[in-house]
C-alpha cells in the first residue's frame, strides 16, 4: 500500500484515539490559543497536538 494512498492515510488515522489524522488547523488553533490573553499564565509547557497519540495504551477514545 503506497504511503500516501487514501487507504493508508485512513488506516493511520484509525490508530489515533481521536480517530483521524491531524490537520494544519489543529496546530494553528493551539498556536492561536497560546498567543492569546487566555494563555497569559501558561509558562514553560510542552503542548502536544497529536489527537491523543501519546496516550498510554489501554485508554479509549472519547465518544
PDB file of N, CA and C in Angstrom:
ATOM      1  N   UNK A   1       0.861  -1.177   0.000  1.00  0.00           N
ATOM      2  CA  UNK A   1       0.000   0.000   0.000  1.00  0.00           C
ATOM      3  C   UNK A   1       0.906   1.239   0.000  1.00  0.00           C
ATOM      4  N   UNK A   2       0.788   2.105  -1.002  1.00  0.00           N
ATOM      5  CA  UNK A   2       1.612   3.322  -1.035  1.00  0.00           C
ATOM      6  C   UNK A   2       1.381   4.180   0.208  1.00  0.00           C
ATOM      7  N   UNK A   3       2.446   4.786   0.700  1.00  0.00           N
ATOM      8  CA  UNK A   3       2.390   5.534   1.964  1.00  0.00           C
ATOM      9  C   UNK A   3       1.450   6.740   1.910  1.00  0.00           C
ATOM     10  N   UNK A   4       1.206   7.298   0.736  1.00  0.00           N
ATOM     11  CA  UNK A   4       0.335   8.474   0.646  1.00  0.00           C
ATOM     12  C   UNK A   4      -1.044   8.143   0.062  1.00  0.00           C
ATOM     13  N   UNK A   5      -1.362   6.864  -0.044  1.00  0.00           N
ATOM     14  CA  UNK A   5      -2.667   6.499  -0.588  1.00  0.00           C
ATOM     15  C   UNK A   5      -3.765   6.838   0.416  1.00  0.00           C
ATOM     16  N   UNK A   6      -4.963   7.038  -0.091  1.00  0.00           N
ATOM     17  CA  UNK A   6      -6.102   7.337   0.787  1.00  0.00           C
ATOM     18  C   UNK A   6      -6.330   6.213   1.784  1.00  0.00           C
ATOM     19  N   UNK A   7      -6.161   4.969   1.342  1.00  0.00           N
ATOM     20  CA  UNK A   7      -6.368   3.823   2.230  1.00  0.00           C
ATOM     21  C   UNK A   7      -5.351   3.827   3.367  1.00  0.00           C
ATOM     22  N   UNK A   8      -4.100   4.136   3.049  1.00  0.00           N
ATOM     23  CA  UNK A   8      -3.053   4.182   4.078  1.00  0.00           C
ATOM     24  C   UNK A   8      -3.333   5.301   5.078  1.00  0.00           C
ATOM     25  N   UNK A   9      -3.667   6.484   4.591  1.00  0.00           N
ATOM     26  CA  UNK A   9      -3.940   7.612   5.478  1.00  0.00           C
ATOM     27  C   UNK A   9      -5.149   7.334   6.364  1.00  0.00           C
ATOM     28  N   UNK A  10      -6.176   6.683   5.820  1.00  0.00           N
ATOM     29  CA  UNK A  10      -7.348   6.322   6.621  1.00  0.00           C
ATOM     30  C   UNK A  10      -6.957   5.333   7.709  1.00  0.00           C
ATOM     31  N   UNK A  11      -6.150   4.345   7.353  1.00  0.00           N
ATOM     32  CA  UNK A  11      -5.712   3.341   8.325  1.00  0.00           C
ATOM     33  C   UNK A  11      -4.881   3.990   9.429  1.00  0.00           C
ATOM     34  N   UNK A  12      -4.005   4.901   9.067  1.00  0.00           N
ATOM     35  CA  UNK A  12      -3.193   5.599  10.072  1.00  0.00           C
ATOM     36  C   UNK A  12      -4.075   6.440  10.989  1.00  0.00           C
ATOM     37  N   UNK A  13      -5.076   7.097  10.434  1.00  0.00           N
ATOM     38  CA  UNK A  13      -5.993   7.898  11.241  1.00  0.00           C
ATOM     39  C   UNK A  13      -6.734   7.063  12.266  1.00  0.00           C
ATOM     40  N   UNK A  14      -6.999   5.814  11.941  1.00  0.00           N
ATOM     41  CA  UNK A  14      -7.702   4.927  12.864  1.00  0.00           C
ATOM     42  C   UNK A  14      -6.836   4.529  14.054  1.00  0.00           C
ATOM     43  N   UNK A  15      -5.526   4.725  13.982  1.00  0.00           N
ATOM     44  CA  UNK A  15      -4.642   4.387  15.103  1.00  0.00           C
ATOM     45  C   UNK A  15      -4.578   5.506  16.136  1.00  0.00           C
ATOM     46  N   UNK A  16      -5.150   6.650  15.822  1.00  0.00           N
ATOM     47  CA  UNK A  16      -5.126   7.808  16.713  1.00  0.00           C
ATOM     48  C   UNK A  16      -6.415   7.812  17.532  1.00  0.00           C
ATOM     49  N   UNK A  17      -6.321   8.002  18.852  1.00  0.00           N
ATOM     50  CA  UNK A  17      -7.519   7.957  19.688  1.00  0.00           C
ATOM     51  C   UNK A  17      -8.673   8.848  19.218  1.00  0.00           C
ATOM     52  N   UNK A  18      -8.395  10.008  18.651  1.00  0.00           N
ATOM     53  CA  UNK A  18      -9.488  10.852  18.154  1.00  0.00           C
ATOM     54  C   UNK A  18     -10.011  10.391  16.802  1.00  0.00           C
ATOM     55  N   UNK A  19      -9.380   9.377  16.210  1.00  0.00           N
ATOM     56  CA  UNK A  19      -9.906   8.743  15.011  1.00  0.00           C
ATOM     57  C   UNK A  19      -9.602   9.410  13.689  1.00  0.00           C
ATOM     58  N   UNK A  20      -8.655  10.337  13.676  1.00  0.00           N
ATOM     59  CA  UNK A  20      -8.311  10.995  12.408  1.00  0.00           C
ATOM     60  C   UNK A  20      -6.896  11.549  12.490  1.00  0.00           C
ATOM     61  N   UNK A  21      -6.312  11.771  11.326  1.00  0.00           N
ATOM     62  CA  UNK A  21      -5.016  12.434  11.273  1.00  0.00           C
ATOM     63  C   UNK A  21      -5.189  13.913  11.589  1.00  0.00           C
ATOM     64  N   UNK A  22      -4.136  14.512  12.080  1.00  0.00           N
ATOM     65  CA  UNK A  22      -4.170  15.937  12.360  1.00  0.00           C
ATOM     66  C   UNK A  22      -4.110  16.754  11.080  1.00  0.00           C
ATOM     67  N   UNK A  23      -4.565  17.977  11.190  1.00  0.00           N
ATOM     68  CA  UNK A  23      -4.559  18.907  10.062  1.00  0.00           C
ATOM     69  C   UNK A  23      -3.836  20.183  10.493  1.00  0.00           C
ATOM     70  N   UNK A  24      -3.341  20.962   9.548  1.00  0.00           N
ATOM     71  CA  UNK A  24      -2.687  22.219   9.912  1.00  0.00           C
ATOM     72  C   UNK A  24      -3.542  23.085  10.836  1.00  0.00           C
ATOM     73  N   UNK A  25      -4.857  23.064  10.662  1.00  0.00           N
ATOM     74  CA  UNK A  25      -5.748  23.862  11.505  1.00  0.00           C
ATOM     75  C   UNK A  25      -5.662  23.439  12.969  1.00  0.00           C
ATOM     76  N   UNK A  26      -5.397  22.163  13.236  1.00  0.00           N
ATOM     77  CA  UNK A  26      -5.274  21.691  14.615  1.00  0.00           C
ATOM     78  C   UNK A  26      -4.089  22.362  15.314  1.00  0.00           C
ATOM     79  N   UNK A  27      -2.974  22.454  14.624  1.00  0.00           N
ATOM     80  CA  UNK A  27      -1.794  23.113  15.188  1.00  0.00           C
ATOM     81  C   UNK A  27      -2.023  24.616  15.267  1.00  0.00           C
ATOM     82  N   UNK A  28      -2.622  25.188  14.229  1.00  0.00           N
ATOM     83  CA  UNK A  28      -2.888  26.630  14.221  1.00  0.00           C
ATOM     84  C   UNK A  28      -3.783  27.031  15.384  1.00  0.00           C
ATOM     85  N   UNK A  29      -4.761  26.212  15.709  1.00  0.00           N
ATOM     86  CA  UNK A  29      -5.653  26.523  16.834  1.00  0.00           C
ATOM     87  C   UNK A  29      -4.888  26.571  18.148  1.00  0.00           C
ATOM     88  N   UNK A  30      -3.964  25.640  18.337  1.00  0.00           N
ATOM     89  CA  UNK A  30      -3.154  25.642  19.556  1.00  0.00           C
ATOM     90  C   UNK A  30      -2.254  26.876  19.609  1.00  0.00           C
ATOM     91  N   UNK A  31      -1.657  27.221  18.485  1.00  0.00           N
ATOM     92  CA  UNK A  31      -0.784  28.399  18.427  1.00  0.00           C
ATOM     93  C   UNK A  31      -1.579  29.670  18.719  1.00  0.00           C
ATOM     94  N   UNK A  32      -2.753  29.795  18.126  1.00  0.00           N
ATOM     95  CA  UNK A  32      -3.580  30.980  18.372  1.00  0.00           C
ATOM     96  C   UNK A  32      -3.983  31.077  19.837  1.00  0.00           C
ATOM     97  N   UNK A  33      -4.312  29.948  20.455  1.00  0.00           N
ATOM     98  CA  UNK A  33      -4.646  29.962  21.875  1.00  0.00           C
ATOM     99  C   UNK A  33      -3.444  30.415  22.694  1.00  0.00           C
ATOM    100  N   UNK A  34      -2.271  29.848  22.420  1.00  0.00           N
ATOM    101  CA  UNK A  34      -1.083  30.208  23.197  1.00  0.00           C
ATOM    102  C   UNK A  34      -0.691  31.671  23.015  1.00  0.00           C
ATOM    103  N   UNK A  35      -1.055  32.247  21.882  1.00  0.00           N
ATOM    104  CA  UNK A  35      -0.757  33.658  21.634  1.00  0.00           C
ATOM    105  C   UNK A  35      -1.832  34.589  22.192  1.00  0.00           C
ATOM    106  N   UNK A  36      -2.892  34.022  22.742  1.00  0.00           N
ATOM    107  CA  UNK A  36      -4.000  34.836  23.233  1.00  0.00           C
ATOM    108  C   UNK A  36      -3.824  35.202  24.703  1.00  0.00           C
ATOM    109  N   UNK A  37      -4.642  36.148  25.151  1.00  0.00           N
ATOM    110  CA  UNK A  37      -4.621  36.553  26.557  1.00  0.00           C
ATOM    111  C   UNK A  37      -5.048  35.406  27.472  1.00  0.00           C
ATOM    112  N   UNK A  38      -5.894  34.506  26.978  1.00  0.00           N
ATOM    113  CA  UNK A  38      -6.358  33.382  27.789  1.00  0.00           C
ATOM    114  C   UNK A  38      -5.210  32.476  28.222  1.00  0.00           C
ATOM    115  N   UNK A  39      -4.123  32.471  27.476  1.00  0.00           N
ATOM    116  CA  UNK A  39      -2.972  31.633  27.803  1.00  0.00           C
ATOM    117  C   UNK A  39      -1.873  32.438  28.499  1.00  0.00           C
ATOM    118  N   UNK A  40      -2.212  33.617  28.972  1.00  0.00           N
ATOM    119  CA  UNK A  40      -1.221  34.515  29.551  1.00  0.00           C
ATOM    120  C   UNK A  40      -0.503  33.999  30.783  1.00  0.00           C
ATOM    121  N   UNK A  41      -1.040  32.997  31.458  1.00  0.00           N
ATOM    122  CA  UNK A  41      -0.414  32.478  32.674  1.00  0.00           C
ATOM    123  C   UNK A  41       0.263  31.131  32.432  1.00  0.00           C
ATOM    124  N   UNK A  42       0.298  30.696  31.187  1.00  0.00           N
ATOM    125  CA  UNK A  42       0.967  29.445  30.834  1.00  0.00           C
ATOM    126  C   UNK A  42       2.428  29.752  30.539  1.00  0.00           C
ATOM    127  N   UNK A  43       3.313  29.040  31.232  1.00  0.00           N
ATOM    128  CA  UNK A  43       4.749  29.221  31.003  1.00  0.00           C
ATOM    129  C   UNK A  43       5.446  27.867  30.983  1.00  0.00           C
ATOM    130  N   UNK A  44       6.448  27.738  30.163  1.00  0.00           N
ATOM    131  CA  UNK A  44       7.330  26.577  30.168  1.00  0.00           C
ATOM    132  C   UNK A  44       6.663  25.229  29.991  1.00  0.00           C
ATOM    133  N   UNK A  45       5.653  25.155  29.168  1.00  0.00           N
ATOM    134  CA  UNK A  45       4.943  23.894  28.978  1.00  0.00           C
ATOM    135  C   UNK A  45       5.166  23.347  27.578  1.00  0.00           C
ATOM    136  N   UNK A  46       5.149  22.033  27.501  1.00  0.00           N
ATOM    137  CA  UNK A  46       5.175  21.366  26.209  1.00  0.00           C
ATOM    138  C   UNK A  46       3.731  21.031  25.858  1.00  0.00           C
ATOM    139  N   UNK A  47       3.231  21.604  24.791  1.00  0.00           N
ATOM    140  CA  UNK A  47       1.856  21.371  24.365  1.00  0.00           C
ATOM    141  C   UNK A  47       1.896  20.372  23.207  1.00  0.00           C
ATOM    142  N   UNK A  48       1.327  19.202  23.425  1.00  0.00           N
ATOM    143  CA  UNK A  48       1.333  18.155  22.409  1.00  0.00           C
ATOM    144  C   UNK A  48       0.010  18.204  21.645  1.00  0.00           C
ATOM    145  N   UNK A  49       0.098  18.379  20.348  1.00  0.00           N
ATOM    146  CA  UNK A  49      -1.087  18.435  19.488  1.00  0.00           C
ATOM    147  C   UNK A  49      -1.023  17.196  18.595  1.00  0.00           C
ATOM    148  N   UNK A  50      -1.558  16.078  19.124  1.00  0.00           N
ATOM    149  CA  UNK A  50      -1.418  14.811  18.401  1.00  0.00           C
ATOM    150  C   UNK A  50      -2.661  13.931  18.432  1.00  0.00           C
ATOM    151  N   UNK A  51      -3.788  14.476  18.832  1.00  0.00           N
ATOM    152  CA  UNK A  51      -5.019  13.696  18.844  1.00  0.00           C
ATOM    153  C   UNK A  51      -5.028  12.555  19.845  1.00  0.00           C
ATOM    154  N   UNK A  52      -4.109  12.603  20.802  1.00  0.00           N
ATOM    155  CA  UNK A  52      -4.040  11.560  21.820  1.00  0.00           C
ATOM    156  C   UNK A  52      -3.076  10.440  21.492  1.00  0.00           C
ATOM    157  N   UNK A  53      -2.281  10.596  20.463  1.00  0.00           N
ATOM    158  CA  UNK A  53      -1.370   9.543  20.013  1.00  0.00           C
ATOM    159  C   UNK A  53      -0.405   9.093  21.106  1.00  0.00           C
ATOM    160  N   UNK A  54       0.020   9.985  21.989  1.00  0.00           N
ATOM    161  CA  UNK A  54       0.988   9.607  23.020  1.00  0.00           C
ATOM    162  C   UNK A  54       0.328   9.131  24.313  1.00  0.00           C
ATOM    163  N   UNK A  55      -0.988   8.981  24.315  1.00  0.00           N
ATOM    164  CA  UNK A  55      -1.667   8.458  25.497  1.00  0.00           C
ATOM    165  C   UNK A  55      -1.197   7.035  25.764  1.00  0.00           C
ATOM    166  N   UNK A  56      -1.155   6.642  27.031  1.00  0.00           N
ATOM    167  CA  UNK A  56      -0.789   5.255  27.338  1.00  0.00           C
ATOM    168  C   UNK A  56      -1.793   4.291  26.716  1.00  0.00           C
ATOM    169  N   UNK A  57      -1.310   3.116  26.348  1.00  0.00           N
ATOM    170  CA  UNK A  57      -2.214   2.107  25.795  1.00  0.00           C
ATOM    171  C   UNK A  57      -3.263   1.731  26.824  1.00  0.00           C
ATOM    172  N   UNK A  58      -4.422   1.366  26.355  1.00  0.00           N
ATOM    173  CA  UNK A  58      -5.490   0.951  27.243  1.00  0.00           C
ATOM    174  C   UNK A  58      -6.556   2.012  27.441  1.00  0.00           C
ATOM    175  N   UNK A  59      -6.244   3.249  27.109  1.00  0.00           N
ATOM    176  CA  UNK A  59      -7.251   4.301  27.207  1.00  0.00           C
ATOM    177  C   UNK A  59      -8.038   4.333  25.905  1.00  0.00           C
ATOM    178  N   UNK A  60      -9.313   4.544  26.008  1.00  0.00           N
ATOM    179  CA  UNK A  60     -10.154   4.559  24.817  1.00  0.00           C
ATOM    180  C   UNK A  60     -10.479   5.983  24.403  1.00  0.00           C
ATOM    181  N   UNK A  61     -10.784   6.147  23.133  1.00  0.00           N
ATOM    182  CA  UNK A  61     -11.161   7.456  22.600  1.00  0.00           C
ATOM    183  C   UNK A  61     -12.499   7.884  23.187  1.00  0.00           C
ATOM    184  N   UNK A  62     -12.689   9.198  23.360  1.00  0.00           N
ATOM    185  CA  UNK A  62     -13.985   9.679  23.850  1.00  0.00           C
ATOM    186  C   UNK A  62     -15.079   9.430  22.822  1.00  0.00           C
ATOM    187  N   UNK A  63     -16.314   9.361  23.297  1.00  0.00           N
ATOM    188  CA  UNK A  63     -17.452   9.161  22.389  1.00  0.00           C
ATOM    189  C   UNK A  63     -17.756  10.407  21.613  1.00  0.00           C
TER     190      UNK A  63
END
